[in-house]
Amino acid sequence: MHTTRRLAAAAAVLGLALGTTACGDDEPAPETSGETQTVEVTFEGGTVTPNGERVEVAVDEEVELVVQADEGGEIHVHSTPEQTLQYGAGTTTLPITLDQPGVVEVESHDLDQVIVQLEAR
């Protein structure tokens, strides 16, 4: 009976040790909920918000950039391949999907400013 308890305890310790060392990343990847993640972007009077914030997204999760702008322009998504997205005055919804893990900068070249950093995990 003591041997069975020792084996069970050893198995539990081994399972716990394997569980904590099997993954090399400290933080789990964001779970894909099946819902689209939205990032609100506002261009007004020569400025843009957000201003370089990092947003975690799941690989292959659709992200919608909902752009409210006082005049038309374009956004550059520095993914592989790079994407150039056009928006008009008013509200424009721009869907993007990142198919590789990593940090992708979304920026306005006209303003020379990073709008948001999408961290795909």
PDB file of N, CA and C in Angstrom:
ATOM      1  N   MET A   1       0.806  -1.183   0.000  1.00  0.00           N
ATOM      2  CA  MET A   1       0.000   0.000   0.000  1.00  0.00           C
ATOM      3  C   MET A   1       0.864   1.268   0.000  1.00  0.00           C
ATOM      4  N   HIS A   2       1.950   1.257   0.760  1.00  0.00           N
ATOM      5  CA  HIS A   2       2.840   2.417   0.774  1.00  0.00           C
ATOM      6  C   HIS A   2       3.496   2.614  -0.576  1.00  0.00           C
ATOM      7  N   THR A   3       3.791   1.540  -1.276  1.00  0.00           N
ATOM      8  CA  THR A   3       4.398   1.633  -2.601  1.00  0.00           C
ATOM      9  C   THR A   3       3.444   2.307  -3.573  1.00  0.00           C
ATOM     10  N   THR A   4       2.169   2.006  -3.492  1.00  0.00           N
ATOM     11  CA  THR A   4       1.178   2.624  -4.372  1.00  0.00           C
ATOM     12  C   THR A   4       1.088   4.118  -4.119  1.00  0.00           C
ATOM     13  N   ARG A   5       1.112   4.516  -2.854  1.00  0.00           N
ATOM     14  CA  ARG A   5       1.064   5.943  -2.518  1.00  0.00           C
ATOM     15  C   ARG A   5       2.312   6.661  -3.011  1.00  0.00           C
ATOM     16  N   ARG A   6       3.475   5.995  -2.862  1.00  0.00           N
ATOM     17  CA  ARG A   6       4.721   6.610  -3.320  1.00  0.00           C
ATOM     18  C   ARG A   6       4.698   6.780  -4.833  1.00  0.00           C
ATOM     19  N   LEU A   7       4.207   5.770  -5.544  1.00  0.00           N
ATOM     20  CA  LEU A   7       4.132   5.873  -7.000  1.00  0.00           C
ATOM     21  C   LEU A   7       3.159   6.977  -7.414  1.00  0.00           C
ATOM     22  N   ALA A   8       2.029   7.057  -6.722  1.00  0.00           N
ATOM     23  CA  ALA A   8       1.052   8.099  -7.039  1.00  0.00           C
ATOM     24  C   ALA A   8       1.639   9.488  -6.765  1.00  0.00           C
ATOM     25  N   ALA A   9       2.352   9.630  -5.644  1.00  0.00           N
ATOM     26  CA  ALA A   9       2.969  10.915  -5.307  1.00  0.00           C
ATOM     27  C   ALA A   9       4.050  11.270  -6.323  1.00  0.00           C
ATOM     28  N   ALA A  10       4.861  10.282  -6.713  1.00  0.00           N
ATOM     29  CA  ALA A  10       5.914  10.523  -7.699  1.00  0.00           C
ATOM     30  C   ALA A  10       5.311  10.917  -9.040  1.00  0.00           C
ATOM     31  N   ALA A  11       4.221  10.263  -9.435  1.00  0.00           N
ATOM     32  CA  ALA A  11       3.550  10.592 -10.699  1.00  0.00           C
ATOM     33  C   ALA A  11       2.992  12.014 -10.653  1.00  0.00           C
ATOM     34  N   ALA A  12       2.430  12.413  -9.516  1.00  0.00           N
ATOM     35  CA  ALA A  12       1.882  13.758  -9.382  1.00  0.00           C
ATOM     36  C   ALA A  12       2.985  14.806  -9.470  1.00  0.00           C
ATOM     37  N   VAL A  13       4.101  14.565  -8.802  1.00  0.00           N
ATOM     38  CA  VAL A  13       5.227  15.502  -8.836  1.00  0.00           C
ATOM     39  C   VAL A  13       5.789  15.591 -10.248  1.00  0.00           C
ATOM     40  N   LEU A  14       5.940  14.448 -10.923  1.00  0.00           N
ATOM     41  CA  LEU A  14       6.455  14.429 -12.290  1.00  0.00           C
ATOM     42  C   LEU A  14       5.502  15.175 -13.219  1.00  0.00           C
ATOM     43  N   GLY A  15       4.212  14.939 -13.074  1.00  0.00           N
ATOM     44  CA  GLY A  15       3.225  15.624 -13.914  1.00  0.00           C
ATOM     45  C   GLY A  15       3.259  17.118 -13.691  1.00  0.00           C
ATOM     46  N   LEU A  16       3.403  17.548 -12.452  1.00  0.00           N
ATOM     47  CA  LEU A  16       3.486  18.965 -12.147  1.00  0.00           C
ATOM     48  C   LEU A  16       4.757  19.565 -12.737  1.00  0.00           C
ATOM     49  N   ALA A  17       5.869  18.852 -12.612  1.00  0.00           N
ATOM     50  CA  ALA A  17       7.135  19.340 -13.154  1.00  0.00           C
ATOM     51  C   ALA A  17       7.071  19.438 -14.669  1.00  0.00           C
ATOM     52  N   LEU A  18       6.509  18.449 -15.331  1.00  0.00           N
ATOM     53  CA  LEU A  18       6.392  18.484 -16.784  1.00  0.00           C
ATOM     54  C   LEU A  18       5.446  19.594 -17.220  1.00  0.00           C
ATOM     55  N   GLY A  19       4.398  19.783 -16.483  1.00  0.00           N
ATOM     56  CA  GLY A  19       3.428  20.823 -16.835  1.00  0.00           C
ATOM     57  C   GLY A  19       4.015  22.214 -16.761  1.00  0.00           C
ATOM     58  N   THR A  20       4.937  22.450 -15.848  1.00  0.00           N
ATOM     59  CA  THR A  20       5.496  23.791 -15.703  1.00  0.00           C
ATOM     60  C   THR A  20       6.711  24.008 -16.585  1.00  0.00           C
ATOM     61  N   THR A  21       7.295  22.960 -17.121  1.00  0.00           N
ATOM     62  CA  THR A  21       8.464  23.153 -17.964  1.00  0.00           C
ATOM     63  C   THR A  21       8.195  22.841 -19.423  1.00  0.00           C
ATOM     64  N   ALA A  22       7.032  22.312 -19.756  1.00  0.00           N
ATOM     65  CA  ALA A  22       6.754  21.925 -21.129  1.00  0.00           C
ATOM     66  C   ALA A  22       6.598  23.135 -22.029  1.00  0.00           C
ATOM     67  N   CYS A  23       6.150  24.245 -21.499  1.00  0.00           N
ATOM     68  CA  CYS A  23       5.934  25.436 -22.298  1.00  0.00           C
ATOM     69  C   CYS A  23       7.042  26.432 -21.998  1.00  0.00           C
ATOM     70  N   GLY A  24       7.685  26.948 -23.037  1.00  0.00           N
ATOM     71  CA  GLY A  24       8.768  27.888 -22.832  1.00  0.00           C
ATOM     72  C   GLY A  24       8.300  29.318 -22.642  1.00  0.00           C
ATOM     73  N   ASP A  25       7.001  29.584 -22.811  1.00  0.00           N
ATOM     74  CA  ASP A  25       6.476  30.935 -22.686  1.00  0.00           C
ATOM     75  C   ASP A  25       5.801  31.094 -21.335  1.00  0.00           C
ATOM     76  N   ASP A  26       6.101  32.169 -20.633  1.00  0.00           N
ATOM     77  CA  ASP A  26       5.518  32.392 -19.310  1.00  0.00           C
ATOM     78  C   ASP A  26       4.031  32.711 -19.358  1.00  0.00           C
ATOM     79  N   GLU A  27       3.598  33.408 -20.429  1.00  0.00           N
ATOM     80  CA  GLU A  27       2.203  33.799 -20.516  1.00  0.00           C
ATOM     81  C   GLU A  27       1.508  32.982 -21.596  1.00  0.00           C
ATOM     82  N   PRO A  28       0.297  32.515 -21.311  1.00  0.00           N
ATOM     83  CA  PRO A  28      -0.426  31.762 -22.334  1.00  0.00           C
ATOM     84  C   PRO A  28      -0.865  32.693 -23.457  1.00  0.00           C
ATOM     85  N   ALA A  29      -1.045  32.112 -24.636  1.00  0.00           N
ATOM     86  CA  ALA A  29      -1.525  32.890 -25.770  1.00  0.00           C
ATOM     87  C   ALA A  29      -2.971  33.282 -25.523  1.00  0.00           C
ATOM     88  N   PRO A  30      -3.372  34.442 -26.032  1.00  0.00           N
ATOM     89  CA  PRO A  30      -4.771  34.812 -25.884  1.00  0.00           C
ATOM     90  C   PRO A  30      -5.653  33.774 -26.563  1.00  0.00           C
ATOM     91  N   GLU A  31      -6.761  33.465 -25.933  1.00  0.00           N
ATOM     92  CA  GLU A  31      -7.667  32.498 -26.523  1.00  0.00           C
ATOM     93  C   GLU A  31      -8.526  33.196 -27.557  1.00  0.00           C
ATOM     94  N   THR A  32      -8.776  32.498 -28.659  1.00  0.00           N
ATOM     95  CA  THR A  32      -9.660  33.029 -29.679  1.00  0.00           C
ATOM     96  C   THR A  32     -11.077  32.717 -29.260  1.00  0.00           C
ATOM     97  N   SER A  33     -11.862  33.756 -29.081  1.00  0.00           N
ATOM     98  CA  SER A  33     -13.230  33.577 -28.619  1.00  0.00           C
ATOM     99  C   SER A  33     -14.195  33.396 -29.766  1.00  0.00           C
ATOM    100  N   GLY A  34     -13.715  33.525 -30.993  1.00  0.00           N
ATOM    101  CA  GLY A  34     -14.599  33.463 -32.134  1.00  0.00           C
ATOM    102  C   GLY A  34     -15.190  34.827 -32.445  1.00  0.00           C
ATOM    103  N   GLU A  35     -15.046  35.781 -31.529  1.00  0.00           N
ATOM    104  CA  GLU A  35     -15.526  37.132 -31.760  1.00  0.00           C
ATOM    105  C   GLU A  35     -14.389  37.978 -32.315  1.00  0.00           C
ATOM    106  N   THR A  36     -14.756  38.982 -33.069  1.00  0.00           N
ATOM    107  CA  THR A  36     -13.776  39.880 -33.652  1.00  0.00           C
ATOM    108  C   THR A  36     -13.321  40.889 -32.610  1.00  0.00           C
ATOM    109  N   GLN A  37     -12.012  41.082 -32.512  1.00  0.00           N
ATOM    110  CA  GLN A  37     -11.475  42.096 -31.601  1.00  0.00           C
ATOM    111  C   GLN A  37     -11.474  43.428 -32.339  1.00  0.00           C
ATOM    112  N   THR A  38     -11.841  44.487 -31.636  1.00  0.00           N
ATOM    113  CA  THR A  38     -11.952  45.811 -32.241  1.00  0.00           C
ATOM    114  C   THR A  38     -10.947  46.765 -31.616  1.00  0.00           C
ATOM    115  N   VAL A  39     -10.284  47.541 -32.477  1.00  0.00           N
ATOM    116  CA  VAL A  39      -9.395  48.616 -32.026  1.00  0.00           C
ATOM    117  C   VAL A  39      -9.941  49.909 -32.627  1.00  0.00           C
ATOM    118  N   GLU A  40     -10.326  50.835 -31.754  1.00  0.00           N
ATOM    119  CA  GLU A  40     -10.868  52.117 -32.196  1.00  0.00           C
ATOM    120  C   GLU A  40      -9.711  53.084 -32.459  1.00  0.00           C
ATOM    121  N   VAL A  41      -9.722  53.698 -33.656  1.00  0.00           N
ATOM    122  CA  VAL A  41      -8.681  54.634 -34.068  1.00  0.00           C
ATOM    123  C   VAL A  41      -9.359  55.942 -34.458  1.00  0.00           C
ATOM    124  N   THR A  42      -8.834  57.052 -33.952  1.00  0.00           N
ATOM    125  CA  THR A  42      -9.410  58.355 -34.274  1.00  0.00           C
ATOM    126  C   THR A  42      -8.329  59.272 -34.834  1.00  0.00           C
ATOM    127  N   PHE A  43      -8.587  59.788 -36.034  1.00  0.00           N
ATOM    128  CA  PHE A  43      -7.739  60.806 -36.648  1.00  0.00           C
ATOM    129  C   PHE A  43      -8.509  62.119 -36.584  1.00  0.00           C
ATOM    130  N   GLU A  44      -7.916  63.113 -35.908  1.00  0.00           N
ATOM    131  CA  GLU A  44      -8.593  64.396 -35.805  1.00  0.00           C
ATOM    132  C   GLU A  44      -7.566  65.504 -35.660  1.00  0.00           C
ATOM    133  N   GLY A  45      -7.661  66.497 -36.526  1.00  0.00           N
ATOM    134  CA  GLY A  45      -6.789  67.676 -36.430  1.00  0.00           C
ATOM    135  C   GLY A  45      -5.312  67.358 -36.498  1.00  0.00           C
ATOM    136  N   GLY A  46      -4.914  66.366 -37.294  1.00  0.00           N
ATOM    137  CA  GLY A  46      -3.502  66.033 -37.439  1.00  0.00           C
ATOM    138  C   GLY A  46      -2.926  65.168 -36.335  1.00  0.00           C
ATOM    139  N   THR A  47      -3.784  64.608 -35.483  1.00  0.00           N
ATOM    140  CA  THR A  47      -3.319  63.686 -34.442  1.00  0.00           C
ATOM    141  C   THR A  47      -4.094  62.374 -34.555  1.00  0.00           C
ATOM    142  N   VAL A  48      -3.569  61.343 -33.919  1.00  0.00           N
ATOM    143  CA  VAL A  48      -4.217  60.036 -33.937  1.00  0.00           C
ATOM    144  C   VAL A  48      -4.172  59.428 -32.539  1.00  0.00           C
ATOM    145  N   THR A  49      -5.247  58.753 -32.184  1.00  0.00           N
ATOM    146  CA  THR A  49      -5.275  57.945 -30.965  1.00  0.00           C
ATOM    147  C   THR A  49      -5.834  56.589 -31.350  1.00  0.00           C
ATOM    148  N   PRO A  50      -5.353  55.514 -30.787  1.00  0.00           N
ATOM    149  CA  PRO A  50      -4.322  55.444 -29.743  1.00  0.00           C
ATOM    150  C   PRO A  50      -2.958  55.849 -30.279  1.00  0.00           C
ATOM    151  N   ASN A  51      -1.992  55.846 -29.373  1.00  0.00           N
ATOM    152  CA  ASN A  51      -0.657  56.327 -29.687  1.00  0.00           C
ATOM    153  C   ASN A  51       0.387  55.291 -29.296  1.00  0.00           C
ATOM    154  N   GLY A  52       0.467  54.201 -30.062  1.00  0.00           N
ATOM    155  CA  GLY A  52       1.508  53.199 -29.863  1.00  0.00           C
ATOM    156  C   GLY A  52       1.227  52.130 -28.829  1.00  0.00           C
ATOM    157  N   GLU A  53      -0.008  52.088 -28.276  1.00  0.00           N
ATOM    158  CA  GLU A  53      -0.325  51.066 -27.284  1.00  0.00           C
ATOM    159  C   GLU A  53      -0.193  49.668 -27.882  1.00  0.00           C
ATOM    160  N   ARG A  54       0.096  48.694 -27.022  1.00  0.00           N
ATOM    161  CA  ARG A  54       0.206  47.295 -27.448  1.00  0.00           C
ATOM    162  C   ARG A  54      -1.091  46.576 -27.108  1.00  0.00           C
ATOM    163  N   VAL A  55      -1.615  45.848 -28.089  1.00  0.00           N
ATOM    164  CA  VAL A  55      -2.846  45.091 -27.930  1.00  0.00           C
ATOM    165  C   VAL A  55      -2.544  43.634 -28.269  1.00  0.00           C
ATOM    166  N   GLU A  56      -2.875  42.719 -27.349  1.00  0.00           N
ATOM    167  CA  GLU A  56      -2.663  41.295 -27.589  1.00  0.00           C
ATOM    168  C   GLU A  56      -3.819  40.728 -28.399  1.00  0.00           C
ATOM    169  N   VAL A  57      -3.463  39.983 -29.448  1.00  0.00           N
ATOM    170  CA  VAL A  57      -4.450  39.303 -30.277  1.00  0.00           C
ATOM    171  C   VAL A  57      -3.975  37.879 -30.498  1.00  0.00           C
ATOM    172  N   ALA A  58      -4.892  37.011 -30.862  1.00  0.00           N
ATOM    173  CA  ALA A  58      -4.524  35.632 -31.166  1.00  0.00           C
ATOM    174  C   ALA A  58      -4.175  35.526 -32.654  1.00  0.00           C
ATOM    175  N   VAL A  59      -3.221  34.673 -32.969  1.00  0.00           N
ATOM    176  CA  VAL A  59      -2.892  34.394 -34.365  1.00  0.00           C
ATOM    177  C   VAL A  59      -4.163  33.892 -35.043  1.00  0.00           C
ATOM    178  N   ASP A  60      -4.410  34.370 -36.242  1.00  0.00           N
ATOM    179  CA  ASP A  60      -5.575  34.033 -37.064  1.00  0.00           C
ATOM    180  C   ASP A  60      -6.890  34.599 -36.531  1.00  0.00           C
ATOM    181  N   GLU A  61      -6.846  35.465 -35.522  1.00  0.00           N
ATOM    182  CA  GLU A  61      -8.044  36.129 -35.023  1.00  0.00           C
ATOM    183  C   GLU A  61      -8.279  37.377 -35.870  1.00  0.00           C
ATOM    184  N   GLU A  62      -9.528  37.605 -36.289  1.00  0.00           N
ATOM    185  CA  GLU A  62      -9.814  38.816 -37.038  1.00  0.00           C
ATOM    186  C   GLU A  62      -9.820  40.008 -36.094  1.00  0.00           C
ATOM    187  N   VAL A  63      -9.153  41.065 -36.525  1.00  0.00           N
ATOM    188  CA  VAL A  63      -9.101  42.320 -35.781  1.00  0.00           C
ATOM    189  C   VAL A  63      -9.705  43.384 -36.694  1.00  0.00           C
ATOM    190  N   GLU A  64     -10.610  44.178 -36.139  1.00  0.00           N
ATOM    191  CA  GLU A  64     -11.180  45.272 -36.911  1.00  0.00           C
ATOM    192  C   GLU A  64     -10.640  46.587 -36.382  1.00  0.00           C
ATOM    193  N   LEU A  65     -10.032  47.357 -37.288  1.00  0.00           N
ATOM    194  CA  LEU A  65      -9.649  48.720 -36.971  1.00  0.00           C
ATOM    195  C   LEU A  65     -10.839  49.580 -37.363  1.00  0.00           C
ATOM    196  N   VAL A  66     -11.508  50.169 -36.385  1.00  0.00           N
ATOM    197  CA  VAL A  66     -12.644  51.041 -36.648  1.00  0.00           C
ATOM    198  C   VAL A  66     -12.101  52.465 -36.614  1.00  0.00           C
ATOM    199  N   VAL A  67     -11.987  53.047 -37.803  1.00  0.00           N
ATOM    200  CA  VAL A  67     -11.334  54.341 -37.960  1.00  0.00           C
ATOM    201  C   VAL A  67     -12.381  55.437 -38.080  1.00  0.00           C
ATOM    202  N   GLN A  68     -12.271  56.416 -37.197  1.00  0.00           N
ATOM    203  CA  GLN A  68     -13.077  57.633 -37.267  1.00  0.00           C
ATOM    204  C   GLN A  68     -12.098  58.735 -37.667  1.00  0.00           C
ATOM    205  N   ALA A  69     -12.351  59.376 -38.826  1.00  0.00           N
ATOM    206  CA  ALA A  69     -11.382  60.341 -39.334  1.00  0.00           C
ATOM    207  C   ALA A  69     -12.068  61.602 -39.854  1.00  0.00           C
ATOM    208  N   ASP A  70     -11.383  62.733 -39.662  1.00  0.00           N
ATOM    209  CA  ASP A  70     -11.899  63.986 -40.190  1.00  0.00           C
ATOM    210  C   ASP A  70     -11.544  64.164 -41.664  1.00  0.00           C
ATOM    211  N   GLU A  71     -10.616  63.349 -42.175  1.00  0.00           N
ATOM    212  CA  GLU A  71     -10.299  63.317 -43.602  1.00  0.00           C
ATOM    213  C   GLU A  71      -9.704  61.959 -43.942  1.00  0.00           C
ATOM    214  N   GLY A  72      -9.758  61.585 -45.219  1.00  0.00           N
ATOM    215  CA  GLY A  72      -9.273  60.278 -45.649  1.00  0.00           C
ATOM    216  C   GLY A  72      -7.760  60.155 -45.550  1.00  0.00           C
ATOM    217  N   GLY A  73      -7.290  58.921 -45.581  1.00  0.00           N
ATOM    218  CA  GLY A  73      -5.858  58.652 -45.530  1.00  0.00           C
ATOM    219  C   GLY A  73      -5.596  57.161 -45.635  1.00  0.00           C
ATOM    220  N   GLU A  74      -4.414  56.762 -45.181  1.00  0.00           N
ATOM    221  CA  GLU A  74      -4.077  55.346 -45.209  1.00  0.00           C
ATOM    222  C   GLU A  74      -3.296  54.942 -43.982  1.00  0.00           C
ATOM    223  N   ILE A  75      -3.449  53.664 -43.669  1.00  0.00           N
ATOM    224  CA  ILE A  75      -2.760  53.037 -42.545  1.00  0.00           C
ATOM    225  C   ILE A  75      -1.876  51.942 -43.112  1.00  0.00           C
ATOM    226  N   HIS A  76      -0.674  51.830 -42.577  1.00  0.00           N
ATOM    227  CA  HIS A  76       0.249  50.779 -42.986  1.00  0.00           C
ATOM    228  C   HIS A  76       0.347  49.741 -41.872  1.00  0.00           C
ATOM    229  N   VAL A  77       0.165  48.479 -42.238  1.00  0.00           N
ATOM    230  CA  VAL A  77       0.275  47.358 -41.302  1.00  0.00           C
ATOM    231  C   VAL A  77       1.559  46.629 -41.681  1.00  0.00           C
ATOM    232  N   HIS A  78       2.543  46.662 -40.794  1.00  0.00           N
ATOM    233  CA  HIS A  78       3.856  46.088 -41.087  1.00  0.00           C
ATOM    234  C   HIS A  78       3.898  44.599 -40.761  1.00  0.00           C
ATOM    235  N   SER A  79       2.985  43.866 -41.393  1.00  0.00           N
ATOM    236  CA  SER A  79       2.924  42.412 -41.263  1.00  0.00           C
ATOM    237  C   SER A  79       3.662  41.806 -42.449  1.00  0.00           C
ATOM    238  N   THR A  80       3.650  40.496 -42.548  1.00  0.00           N
ATOM    239  CA  THR A  80       4.245  39.816 -43.691  1.00  0.00           C
ATOM    240  C   THR A  80       3.138  39.091 -44.428  1.00  0.00           C
ATOM    241  N   PRO A  81       2.744  39.544 -45.609  1.00  0.00           N
ATOM    242  CA  PRO A  81       3.236  40.730 -46.315  1.00  0.00           C
ATOM    243  C   PRO A  81       2.639  41.998 -45.710  1.00  0.00           C
ATOM    244  N   GLU A  82       3.300  43.137 -46.023  1.00  0.00           N
ATOM    245  CA  GLU A  82       2.801  44.418 -45.530  1.00  0.00           C
ATOM    246  C   GLU A  82       1.467  44.728 -46.184  1.00  0.00           C
ATOM    247  N   GLN A  83       0.650  45.494 -45.457  1.00  0.00           N
ATOM    248  CA  GLN A  83      -0.665  45.871 -45.957  1.00  0.00           C
ATOM    249  C   GLN A  83      -0.818  47.383 -45.891  1.00  0.00           C
ATOM    250  N   THR A  84      -1.453  47.950 -46.903  1.00  0.00           N
ATOM    251  CA  THR A  84      -1.812  49.359 -46.899  1.00  0.00           C
ATOM    252  C   THR A  84      -3.329  49.416 -46.949  1.00  0.00           C
ATOM    253  N   LEU A  85      -3.922  50.078 -45.961  1.00  0.00           N
ATOM    254  CA  LEU A  85      -5.376  50.141 -45.840  1.00  0.00           C
ATOM    255  C   LEU A  85      -5.836  51.580 -45.988  1.00  0.00           C
ATOM    256  N   GLN A  86      -6.792  51.792 -46.864  1.00  0.00           N
ATOM    257  CA  GLN A  86      -7.347  53.124 -47.113  1.00  0.00           C
ATOM    258  C   GLN A  86      -8.568  53.353 -46.238  1.00  0.00           C
ATOM    259  N   TYR A  87      -8.737  54.568 -45.762  1.00  0.00           N
ATOM    260  CA  TYR A  87      -9.941  54.943 -45.029  1.00  0.00           C
ATOM    261  C   TYR A  87     -10.395  56.310 -45.524  1.00  0.00           C
ATOM    262  N   GLY A  88     -11.673  56.574 -45.416  1.00  0.00           N
ATOM    263  CA  GLY A  88     -12.235  57.850 -45.841  1.00  0.00           C
ATOM    264  C   GLY A  88     -12.608  58.692 -44.643  1.00  0.00           C
ATOM    265  N   ALA A  89     -13.096  59.904 -44.929  1.00  0.00           N
ATOM    266  CA  ALA A  89     -13.616  60.757 -43.862  1.00  0.00           C
ATOM    267  C   ALA A  89     -14.860  60.082 -43.301  1.00  0.00           C
ATOM    268  N   GLY A  90     -15.053  60.191 -41.999  1.00  0.00           N
ATOM    269  CA  GLY A  90     -16.165  59.508 -41.357  1.00  0.00           C
ATOM    270  C   GLY A  90     -15.669  58.230 -40.703  1.00  0.00           C
ATOM    271  N   THR A  91     -16.513  57.195 -40.682  1.00  0.00           N
ATOM    272  CA  THR A  91     -16.161  55.931 -40.034  1.00  0.00           C
ATOM    273  C   THR A  91     -15.908  54.861 -41.083  1.00  0.00           C
ATOM    274  N   THR A  92     -14.769  54.185 -40.966  1.00  0.00           N
ATOM    275  CA  THR A  92     -14.388  53.090 -41.853  1.00  0.00           C
ATOM    276  C   THR A  92     -13.945  51.914 -40.998  1.00  0.00           C
ATOM    277  N   THR A  93     -14.416  50.713 -41.319  1.00  0.00           N
ATOM    278  CA  THR A  93     -13.993  49.507 -40.612  1.00  0.00           C
ATOM    279  C   THR A  93     -13.032  48.741 -41.512  1.00  0.00           C
ATOM    280  N   LEU A  94     -11.837  48.476 -40.989  1.00  0.00           N
ATOM    281  CA  LEU A  94     -10.773  47.803 -41.742  1.00  0.00           C
ATOM    282  C   LEU A  94     -10.426  46.481 -41.060  1.00  0.00           C
ATOM    283  N   PRO A  95     -10.826  45.338 -41.641  1.00  0.00           N
ATOM    284  CA  PRO A  95     -10.489  44.051 -41.030  1.00  0.00           C
ATOM    285  C   PRO A  95      -9.082  43.601 -41.408  1.00  0.00           C
ATOM    286  N   ILE A  96      -8.362  43.077 -40.426  1.00  0.00           N
ATOM    287  CA  ILE A  96      -7.057  42.470 -40.681  1.00  0.00           C
ATOM    288  C   ILE A  96      -6.948  41.191 -39.860  1.00  0.00           C
ATOM    289  N   THR A  97      -6.120  40.269 -40.348  1.00  0.00           N
ATOM    290  CA  THR A  97      -5.839  39.032 -39.633  1.00  0.00           C
ATOM    291  C   THR A  97      -4.340  38.792 -39.710  1.00  0.00           C
ATOM    292  N   LEU A  98      -3.725  38.482 -38.580  1.00  0.00           N
ATOM    293  CA  LEU A  98      -2.297  38.188 -38.529  1.00  0.00           C
ATOM    294  C   LEU A  98      -2.132  36.678 -38.428  1.00  0.00           C
ATOM    295  N   ASP A  99      -1.397  36.103 -39.377  1.00  0.00           N
ATOM    296  CA  ASP A  99      -1.272  34.653 -39.411  1.00  0.00           C
ATOM    297  C   ASP A  99       0.043  34.133 -38.846  1.00  0.00           C
ATOM    298  N   GLN A 100       0.842  35.039 -38.262  1.00  0.00           N
ATOM    299  CA  GLN A 100       2.114  34.641 -37.657  1.00  0.00           C
ATOM    300  C   GLN A 100       2.255  35.316 -36.288  1.00  0.00           C
ATOM    301  N   PRO A 101       2.866  34.628 -35.315  1.00  0.00           N
ATOM    302  CA  PRO A 101       3.094  35.283 -34.027  1.00  0.00           C
ATOM    303  C   PRO A 101       4.143  36.381 -34.150  1.00  0.00           C
ATOM    304  N   GLY A 102       4.027  37.367 -33.293  1.00  0.00           N
ATOM    305  CA  GLY A 102       4.991  38.466 -33.270  1.00  0.00           C
ATOM    306  C   GLY A 102       4.282  39.788 -33.061  1.00  0.00           C
ATOM    307  N   VAL A 103       5.071  40.863 -33.019  1.00  0.00           N
ATOM    308  CA  VAL A 103       4.532  42.204 -32.839  1.00  0.00           C
ATOM    309  C   VAL A 103       4.510  42.893 -34.198  1.00  0.00           C
ATOM    310  N   VAL A 104       3.344  43.406 -34.550  1.00  0.00           N
ATOM    311  CA  VAL A 104       3.153  44.069 -35.831  1.00  0.00           C
ATOM    312  C   VAL A 104       2.744  45.512 -35.563  1.00  0.00           C
ATOM    313  N   GLU A 105       3.511  46.446 -36.116  1.00  0.00           N
ATOM    314  CA  GLU A 105       3.185  47.852 -35.946  1.00  0.00           C
ATOM    315  C   GLU A 105       2.174  48.290 -37.000  1.00  0.00           C
ATOM    316  N   VAL A 106       1.191  49.043 -36.543  1.00  0.00           N
ATOM    317  CA  VAL A 106       0.200  49.660 -37.415  1.00  0.00           C
ATOM    318  C   VAL A 106       0.461  51.150 -37.306  1.00  0.00           C
ATOM    319  N   GLU A 107       0.738  51.802 -38.444  1.00  0.00           N
ATOM    320  CA  GLU A 107       1.148  53.190 -38.344  1.00  0.00           C
ATOM    321  C   GLU A 107       0.587  54.067 -39.441  1.00  0.00           C
ATOM    322  N   SER A 108       0.661  55.353 -39.174  1.00  0.00           N
ATOM    323  CA  SER A 108       0.339  56.376 -40.152  1.00  0.00           C
ATOM    324  C   SER A 108       1.658  56.950 -40.638  1.00  0.00           C
ATOM    325  N   HIS A 109       1.957  56.761 -41.922  1.00  0.00           N
ATOM    326  CA  HIS A 109       3.184  57.343 -42.455  1.00  0.00           C
ATOM    327  C   HIS A 109       3.035  58.850 -42.596  1.00  0.00           C
ATOM    328  N   ASP A 110       1.802  59.324 -42.877  1.00  0.00           N
ATOM    329  CA  ASP A 110       1.579  60.771 -42.999  1.00  0.00           C
ATOM    330  C   ASP A 110       1.937  61.490 -41.703  1.00  0.00           C
ATOM    331  N   LEU A 111       1.573  60.896 -40.569  1.00  0.00           N
ATOM    332  CA  LEU A 111       1.871  61.506 -39.273  1.00  0.00           C
ATOM    333  C   LEU A 111       3.193  61.011 -38.691  1.00  0.00           C
ATOM    334  N   ASP A 112       3.810  60.020 -39.364  1.00  0.00           N
ATOM    335  CA  ASP A 112       5.050  59.405 -38.869  1.00  0.00           C
ATOM    336  C   ASP A 112       4.865  58.940 -37.422  1.00  0.00           C
ATOM    337  N   GLN A 113       3.775  58.167 -37.208  1.00  0.00           N
ATOM    338  CA  GLN A 113       3.426  57.764 -35.850  1.00  0.00           C
ATOM    339  C   GLN A 113       2.871  56.342 -35.836  1.00  0.00           C
ATOM    340  N   VAL A 114       3.332  55.557 -34.849  1.00  0.00           N
ATOM    341  CA  VAL A 114       2.767  54.233 -34.614  1.00  0.00           C
ATOM    342  C   VAL A 114       1.430  54.425 -33.927  1.00  0.00           C
ATOM    343  N   ILE A 115       0.408  53.801 -34.488  1.00  0.00           N
ATOM    344  CA  ILE A 115      -0.946  53.910 -33.927  1.00  0.00           C
ATOM    345  C   ILE A 115      -1.123  52.855 -32.839  1.00  0.00           C
ATOM    346  N   VAL A 116      -0.814  51.624 -33.191  1.00  0.00           N
ATOM    347  CA  VAL A 116      -0.994  50.504 -32.262  1.00  0.00           C
ATOM    348  C   VAL A 116      -0.001  49.411 -32.643  1.00  0.00           C
ATOM    349  N   GLN A 117       0.409  48.637 -31.652  1.00  0.00           N
ATOM    350  CA  GLN A 117       1.247  47.460 -31.880  1.00  0.00           C
ATOM    351  C   GLN A 117       0.378  46.233 -31.570  1.00  0.00           C
ATOM    352  N   LEU A 118       0.166  45.405 -32.571  1.00  0.00           N
ATOM    353  CA  LEU A 118      -0.616  44.182 -32.371  1.00  0.00           C
ATOM    354  C   LEU A 118       0.346  43.055 -32.057  1.00  0.00           C
ATOM    355  N   GLU A 119       0.199  42.476 -30.868  1.00  0.00           N
ATOM    356  CA  GLU A 119       1.046  41.359 -30.463  1.00  0.00           C
ATOM    357  C   GLU A 119       0.281  40.071 -30.676  1.00  0.00           C
ATOM    358  N   ALA A 120       0.591  39.397 -31.783  1.00  0.00           N
ATOM    359  CA  ALA A 120      -0.092  38.151 -32.138  1.00  0.00           C
ATOM    360  C   ALA A 120       0.614  36.990 -31.446  1.00  0.00           C
ATOM    361  N   ARG A 121      -0.160  36.202 -30.700  1.00  0.00           N
ATOM    362  CA  ARG A 121       0.389  35.057 -29.965  1.00  0.00           C
ATOM    363  C   ARG A 121      -0.395  33.830 -30.300  1.00  0.00           C
TER     364      ARG A 121
END
